[in-house]
Amino acid sequence: LITANNQGFSASFIRRSRHGWVWTDGGNVPVGEVEANWQVELINPALNSSRWFSSSENISQSGAFSSGAYRLIIRQSGTVGLSKPTTINFNI
């Protein structure tokens, strides 16, 4: 889920197990790692990027955002390494 306007954005996502757990009831399952963090990258309309790490499934950035197409790239990081990226495109 992502919400965005010219004063910032917020996004939330669901952590996933990387050890083959079956997600049968829609609830969180053991992540299979000592800790779960996320590498987040934001690419703006001028193709500049910002990268940061988060220990939460919720992120937000505030400030002056220009109109245009943005790309948010999220990768889970943990003991196993980085996951494949999940990409979310959105417009402001």
N, C-alpha and C. Protein backbone atom coordinates (compact mmCIF):
# COMPACT_ATOMS: atom_id res chain seq x y z
N LEU A 1 0.85 -1.17 0.00
CA LEU A 1 0.00 0.00 0.00
C LEU A 1 0.89 1.23 0.00
N ILE A 2 0.60 2.19 -0.84
CA ILE A 2 1.39 3.42 -0.89
C ILE A 2 0.46 4.62 -1.03
N THR A 3 0.77 5.68 -0.32
CA THR A 3 0.08 6.95 -0.48
C THR A 3 1.14 8.01 -0.72
N ALA A 4 0.86 8.93 -1.63
CA ALA A 4 1.87 9.92 -2.00
C ALA A 4 1.21 11.22 -2.42
N ASN A 5 1.88 12.33 -2.13
CA ASN A 5 1.51 13.64 -2.64
C ASN A 5 2.77 14.49 -2.69
N ASN A 6 2.65 15.77 -3.01
CA ASN A 6 3.85 16.60 -3.19
C ASN A 6 4.55 16.94 -1.88
N GLN A 7 4.05 16.44 -0.76
CA GLN A 7 4.71 16.67 0.52
C GLN A 7 5.31 15.39 1.10
N GLY A 8 5.26 14.31 0.35
CA GLY A 8 5.89 13.08 0.81
C GLY A 8 5.12 11.84 0.43
N PHE A 9 5.54 10.72 0.97
CA PHE A 9 4.87 9.45 0.71
C PHE A 9 5.02 8.54 1.92
N SER A 10 4.15 7.55 1.98
CA SER A 10 4.27 6.49 2.97
C SER A 10 3.92 5.18 2.28
N ALA A 11 4.57 4.13 2.72
CA ALA A 11 4.34 2.81 2.14
C ALA A 11 4.39 1.77 3.24
N SER A 12 3.59 0.73 3.08
CA SER A 12 3.65 -0.40 3.99
C SER A 12 3.67 -1.68 3.16
N PHE A 13 4.30 -2.69 3.68
CA PHE A 13 4.44 -3.94 2.94
C PHE A 13 4.45 -5.09 3.93
N ILE A 14 4.39 -6.30 3.43
CA ILE A 14 4.31 -7.50 4.26
C ILE A 14 5.62 -8.26 4.17
N ARG A 15 6.17 -8.61 5.32
CA ARG A 15 7.39 -9.40 5.33
C ARG A 15 7.07 -10.81 4.86
N ARG A 16 8.04 -11.46 4.30
CA ARG A 16 7.85 -12.82 3.79
C ARG A 16 8.93 -13.73 4.36
N SER A 17 8.56 -14.97 4.62
CA SER A 17 9.53 -15.96 5.04
C SER A 17 10.37 -16.34 3.82
N ARG A 18 11.63 -16.59 4.07
CA ARG A 18 12.49 -17.04 2.97
C ARG A 18 12.94 -18.46 3.20
N HIS A 19 12.14 -19.20 4.01
CA HIS A 19 12.46 -20.60 4.29
C HIS A 19 11.30 -21.52 3.96
N GLY A 20 10.45 -21.12 3.03
CA GLY A 20 9.42 -22.01 2.51
C GLY A 20 8.18 -22.19 3.35
N TRP A 21 7.89 -21.26 4.24
CA TRP A 21 6.66 -21.39 5.03
C TRP A 21 5.45 -21.19 4.12
N VAL A 22 4.39 -21.91 4.41
CA VAL A 22 3.15 -21.77 3.66
C VAL A 22 2.32 -20.68 4.34
N TRP A 23 1.84 -19.74 3.57
CA TRP A 23 1.06 -18.60 4.08
C TRP A 23 -0.41 -18.94 3.90
N THR A 24 -1.00 -19.67 4.86
CA THR A 24 -2.35 -20.20 4.69
C THR A 24 -3.44 -19.31 5.23
N ASP A 25 -3.14 -18.50 6.26
CA ASP A 25 -4.20 -17.74 6.90
C ASP A 25 -4.08 -16.23 6.74
N GLY A 26 -3.10 -15.76 5.97
CA GLY A 26 -2.94 -14.33 5.75
C GLY A 26 -2.21 -13.62 6.88
N GLY A 27 -1.84 -14.33 7.95
CA GLY A 27 -1.11 -13.71 9.06
C GLY A 27 0.39 -13.82 8.86
N ASN A 28 1.13 -13.13 9.70
CA ASN A 28 2.58 -13.20 9.61
C ASN A 28 3.06 -14.61 9.99
N VAL A 29 4.08 -15.07 9.30
CA VAL A 29 4.71 -16.35 9.59
C VAL A 29 6.15 -16.09 10.02
N PRO A 30 6.79 -17.06 10.67
CA PRO A 30 8.18 -16.84 11.06
C PRO A 30 9.03 -16.47 9.85
N VAL A 31 9.85 -15.46 10.02
CA VAL A 31 10.63 -14.96 8.89
C VAL A 31 11.78 -15.91 8.54
N GLY A 32 12.16 -16.80 9.47
CA GLY A 32 13.20 -17.78 9.18
C GLY A 32 14.60 -17.22 9.29
N GLU A 33 14.75 -16.01 9.84
CA GLU A 33 16.05 -15.39 9.98
C GLU A 33 16.12 -14.71 11.35
N VAL A 34 17.31 -14.43 11.81
CA VAL A 34 17.50 -13.80 13.11
C VAL A 34 16.77 -12.46 13.17
N GLU A 35 16.86 -11.69 12.12
CA GLU A 35 16.16 -10.41 12.06
C GLU A 35 15.77 -10.12 10.62
N ALA A 36 14.80 -9.26 10.45
CA ALA A 36 14.36 -8.86 9.11
C ALA A 36 14.48 -7.36 8.99
N ASN A 37 15.15 -6.93 7.97
CA ASN A 37 15.27 -5.51 7.64
C ASN A 37 14.98 -5.34 6.16
N TRP A 38 14.83 -4.11 5.76
CA TRP A 38 14.53 -3.83 4.36
C TRP A 38 15.45 -2.75 3.83
N GLN A 39 15.95 -2.97 2.63
CA GLN A 39 16.70 -1.95 1.91
C GLN A 39 15.69 -1.28 0.99
N VAL A 40 15.58 0.02 1.10
CA VAL A 40 14.58 0.77 0.34
C VAL A 40 15.31 1.79 -0.53
N GLU A 41 14.93 1.85 -1.79
CA GLU A 41 15.51 2.83 -2.72
C GLU A 41 14.38 3.58 -3.40
N LEU A 42 14.51 4.89 -3.45
CA LEU A 42 13.54 5.75 -4.12
C LEU A 42 14.23 6.43 -5.29
N ILE A 43 13.65 6.27 -6.47
CA ILE A 43 14.18 6.93 -7.67
C ILE A 43 13.17 7.98 -8.08
N ASN A 44 13.63 9.22 -8.20
CA ASN A 44 12.73 10.34 -8.51
C ASN A 44 12.66 10.60 -10.02
N PRO A 45 11.82 11.56 -10.46
CA PRO A 45 11.66 11.81 -11.90
C PRO A 45 12.95 12.21 -12.61
N ALA A 46 13.91 12.81 -11.90
CA ALA A 46 15.19 13.19 -12.51
C ALA A 46 16.17 12.02 -12.50
N LEU A 47 15.71 10.83 -12.09
CA LEU A 47 16.49 9.59 -12.00
C LEU A 47 17.58 9.64 -10.93
N ASN A 48 17.44 10.54 -9.95
CA ASN A 48 18.31 10.52 -8.78
C ASN A 48 17.74 9.50 -7.82
N SER A 49 18.61 8.86 -7.04
CA SER A 49 18.09 7.86 -6.11
C SER A 49 18.58 8.12 -4.69
N SER A 50 17.77 7.69 -3.75
CA SER A 50 18.09 7.71 -2.33
C SER A 50 17.91 6.30 -1.83
N ARG A 51 18.80 5.85 -0.94
CA ARG A 51 18.69 4.50 -0.41
C ARG A 51 18.83 4.55 1.11
N TRP A 52 18.02 3.76 1.79
CA TRP A 52 18.13 3.67 3.24
C TRP A 52 17.66 2.29 3.68
N PHE A 53 17.90 1.98 4.96
CA PHE A 53 17.48 0.72 5.54
C PHE A 53 16.39 0.98 6.57
N SER A 54 15.48 0.04 6.68
CA SER A 54 14.39 0.14 7.64
C SER A 54 14.23 -1.19 8.36
N SER A 55 13.92 -1.14 9.64
CA SER A 55 13.64 -2.37 10.39
C SER A 55 12.13 -2.57 10.55
N SER A 56 11.36 -1.74 9.89
CA SER A 56 9.90 -1.78 9.98
C SER A 56 9.28 -2.01 8.62
N GLU A 57 8.08 -2.60 8.61
CA GLU A 57 7.34 -2.81 7.36
C GLU A 57 6.60 -1.55 6.92
N ASN A 58 6.87 -0.43 7.58
CA ASN A 58 6.24 0.85 7.23
C ASN A 58 7.34 1.89 7.05
N ILE A 59 7.28 2.64 5.97
CA ILE A 59 8.26 3.68 5.73
C ILE A 59 7.55 4.95 5.30
N SER A 60 8.16 6.08 5.56
CA SER A 60 7.61 7.34 5.07
C SER A 60 8.74 8.35 4.91
N GLN A 61 8.56 9.24 3.98
CA GLN A 61 9.49 10.32 3.73
C GLN A 61 8.65 11.58 3.53
N SER A 62 9.10 12.66 4.12
CA SER A 62 8.39 13.92 3.93
C SER A 62 9.34 14.95 3.36
N GLY A 63 8.78 15.98 2.80
CA GLY A 63 9.57 17.03 2.16
C GLY A 63 8.89 17.45 0.88
N ALA A 64 9.55 18.30 0.14
CA ALA A 64 8.99 18.78 -1.13
C ALA A 64 9.28 17.75 -2.22
N PHE A 65 8.24 17.18 -2.77
CA PHE A 65 8.36 16.21 -3.86
C PHE A 65 7.80 16.84 -5.12
N SER A 66 8.56 16.82 -6.20
CA SER A 66 8.08 17.39 -7.46
C SER A 66 7.13 16.39 -8.13
N SER A 67 6.31 16.90 -9.02
CA SER A 67 5.39 16.05 -9.76
C SER A 67 6.17 15.15 -10.70
N GLY A 68 5.65 13.97 -10.92
CA GLY A 68 6.29 13.06 -11.86
C GLY A 68 6.20 11.62 -11.42
N ALA A 69 6.92 10.76 -12.13
CA ALA A 69 6.91 9.33 -11.87
C ALA A 69 8.04 8.96 -10.92
N TYR A 70 7.71 8.20 -9.90
CA TYR A 70 8.67 7.72 -8.92
C TYR A 70 8.69 6.20 -8.93
N ARG A 71 9.81 5.64 -8.49
CA ARG A 71 9.94 4.19 -8.37
C ARG A 71 10.49 3.89 -6.98
N LEU A 72 9.81 3.01 -6.28
CA LEU A 72 10.24 2.56 -4.96
C LEU A 72 10.66 1.10 -5.10
N ILE A 73 11.88 0.79 -4.68
CA ILE A 73 12.41 -0.56 -4.79
C ILE A 73 12.69 -1.06 -3.37
N ILE A 74 12.09 -2.18 -3.02
CA ILE A 74 12.20 -2.73 -1.67
C ILE A 74 12.78 -4.13 -1.74
N ARG A 75 13.82 -4.37 -0.92
CA ARG A 75 14.44 -5.69 -0.83
C ARG A 75 14.56 -6.07 0.65
N GLN A 76 14.12 -7.25 0.99
CA GLN A 76 14.29 -7.74 2.35
C GLN A 76 15.75 -8.14 2.53
N SER A 77 16.34 -7.78 3.67
CA SER A 77 17.72 -8.18 3.95
C SER A 77 17.76 -8.92 5.27
N GLY A 78 18.61 -9.90 5.34
CA GLY A 78 18.73 -10.69 6.56
C GLY A 78 19.93 -11.59 6.48
N THR A 79 19.91 -12.64 7.25
CA THR A 79 21.03 -13.57 7.32
C THR A 79 21.33 -14.20 5.97
N VAL A 80 20.30 -14.46 5.20
CA VAL A 80 20.45 -15.12 3.91
C VAL A 80 21.01 -14.17 2.86
N GLY A 81 20.85 -12.87 3.04
CA GLY A 81 21.28 -11.88 2.06
C GLY A 81 20.10 -11.04 1.63
N LEU A 82 20.21 -10.43 0.46
CA LEU A 82 19.13 -9.60 -0.06
C LEU A 82 18.17 -10.42 -0.91
N SER A 83 16.88 -10.12 -0.77
CA SER A 83 15.88 -10.78 -1.60
C SER A 83 15.86 -10.15 -2.99
N LYS A 84 15.09 -10.76 -3.87
CA LYS A 84 14.83 -10.13 -5.16
C LYS A 84 14.04 -8.84 -4.89
N PRO A 85 14.22 -7.82 -5.70
CA PRO A 85 13.53 -6.56 -5.44
C PRO A 85 12.05 -6.60 -5.80
N THR A 86 11.27 -5.87 -5.00
CA THR A 86 9.89 -5.58 -5.32
C THR A 86 9.84 -4.12 -5.74
N THR A 87 9.27 -3.82 -6.88
CA THR A 87 9.25 -2.47 -7.42
C THR A 87 7.83 -1.94 -7.44
N ILE A 88 7.66 -0.72 -6.91
CA ILE A 88 6.37 -0.05 -6.92
C ILE A 88 6.54 1.27 -7.64
N ASN A 89 5.81 1.46 -8.72
CA ASN A 89 5.83 2.72 -9.45
C ASN A 89 4.62 3.55 -9.02
N PHE A 90 4.86 4.84 -8.80
CA PHE A 90 3.74 5.72 -8.43
C PHE A 90 4.01 7.12 -8.94
N ASN A 91 2.95 7.89 -9.05
CA ASN A 91 3.03 9.27 -9.55
C ASN A 91 2.62 10.27 -8.48
N ILE A 92 3.25 11.40 -8.52
CA ILE A 92 2.88 12.52 -7.65
C ILE A 92 2.46 13.65 -8.56
